[in-house]
Amino acid sequence: MAIGAAFGMNLHSGMESLPGWVYWAIFGGGLVMGLVLRGWVKAPEPVVSVATRPGLLKKK
């Protein structure tokens, strides 16, 4: 749907006279920013070592 909406837009703001590479540059920039955001959100949890949390090894 998003791709269909992007290719089906009728822009009457002067952007239609720009070269074609401008559209692809904006598209690529959005794609890169989306991937960076996805990597930031899905970042792995930091590993908690026993040295920093000595209470984890207490025996009951």
Protein backbone atom coordinates (compact mmCIF):
# COMPACT_ATOMS: atom_id res chain seq x y z
CA MET A 1 0.00 0.00 0.00
CA ALA A 2 2.77 2.42 0.90
CA ILE A 3 4.63 1.75 -2.35
CA GLY A 4 1.44 2.16 -4.34
CA ALA A 5 0.71 5.44 -2.57
CA ALA A 6 4.24 6.73 -3.19
CA PHE A 7 4.17 5.90 -6.90
CA GLY A 8 0.57 7.09 -7.31
CA MET A 9 1.09 10.59 -5.91
CA ASN A 10 0.39 13.58 -8.11
CA LEU A 11 2.62 16.34 -6.76
CA HIS A 12 1.90 19.83 -8.04
CA SER A 13 4.44 21.70 -5.94
CA GLY A 14 7.34 22.04 -8.34
CA MET A 15 8.86 18.71 -7.35
CA GLU A 16 7.72 17.13 -10.62
CA SER A 17 10.35 19.17 -12.45
CA LEU A 18 13.21 17.84 -10.30
CA PRO A 19 15.46 15.10 -11.66
CA GLY A 20 14.45 11.50 -10.94
CA TRP A 21 17.41 10.80 -8.67
CA VAL A 22 16.01 13.23 -6.06
CA TYR A 23 13.02 10.95 -5.49
CA TRP A 24 15.27 7.91 -5.11
CA ALA A 25 17.60 9.82 -2.77
CA ILE A 26 14.66 10.69 -0.50
CA PHE A 27 13.36 7.12 -0.73
CA GLY A 28 16.83 5.70 0.11
CA GLY A 29 17.29 8.14 3.00
CA GLY A 30 13.95 7.09 4.47
CA LEU A 31 14.87 3.44 4.06
CA VAL A 32 18.23 3.92 5.79
CA MET A 33 16.64 5.87 8.65
CA GLY A 34 14.03 3.12 9.04
CA LEU A 35 16.70 0.44 9.25
CA VAL A 36 18.69 2.47 11.79
CA LEU A 37 15.57 2.95 13.89
CA ARG A 38 14.75 -0.76 13.66
CA GLY A 39 18.27 -1.66 14.80
CA TRP A 40 18.06 0.78 17.68
CA VAL A 41 14.69 -0.50 18.86
CA LYS A 42 15.68 -4.16 18.52
CA ALA A 43 19.06 -3.69 20.21
CA PRO A 44 20.03 -6.69 22.34
CA GLU A 45 19.79 -6.46 26.10
CA PRO A 46 23.15 -5.92 27.83
CA VAL A 47 24.60 -9.04 29.42
CA VAL A 48 24.59 -8.92 33.23
CA SER A 49 27.71 -10.56 34.56
CA VAL A 50 28.02 -12.25 37.95
CA ALA A 51 30.73 -9.77 38.94
CA THR A 52 28.31 -6.86 38.73
CA ARG A 53 25.42 -8.74 40.41
CA PRO A 54 26.93 -10.87 43.20
CA GLY A 55 23.50 -11.52 44.75
CA LEU A 56 22.58 -13.83 41.91
CA LEU A 57 24.68 -16.72 43.27
CA LYS A 58 23.29 -16.79 46.83
CA LYS A 59 22.27 -20.23 47.96
CA LYS A 60 19.07 -20.66 49.90
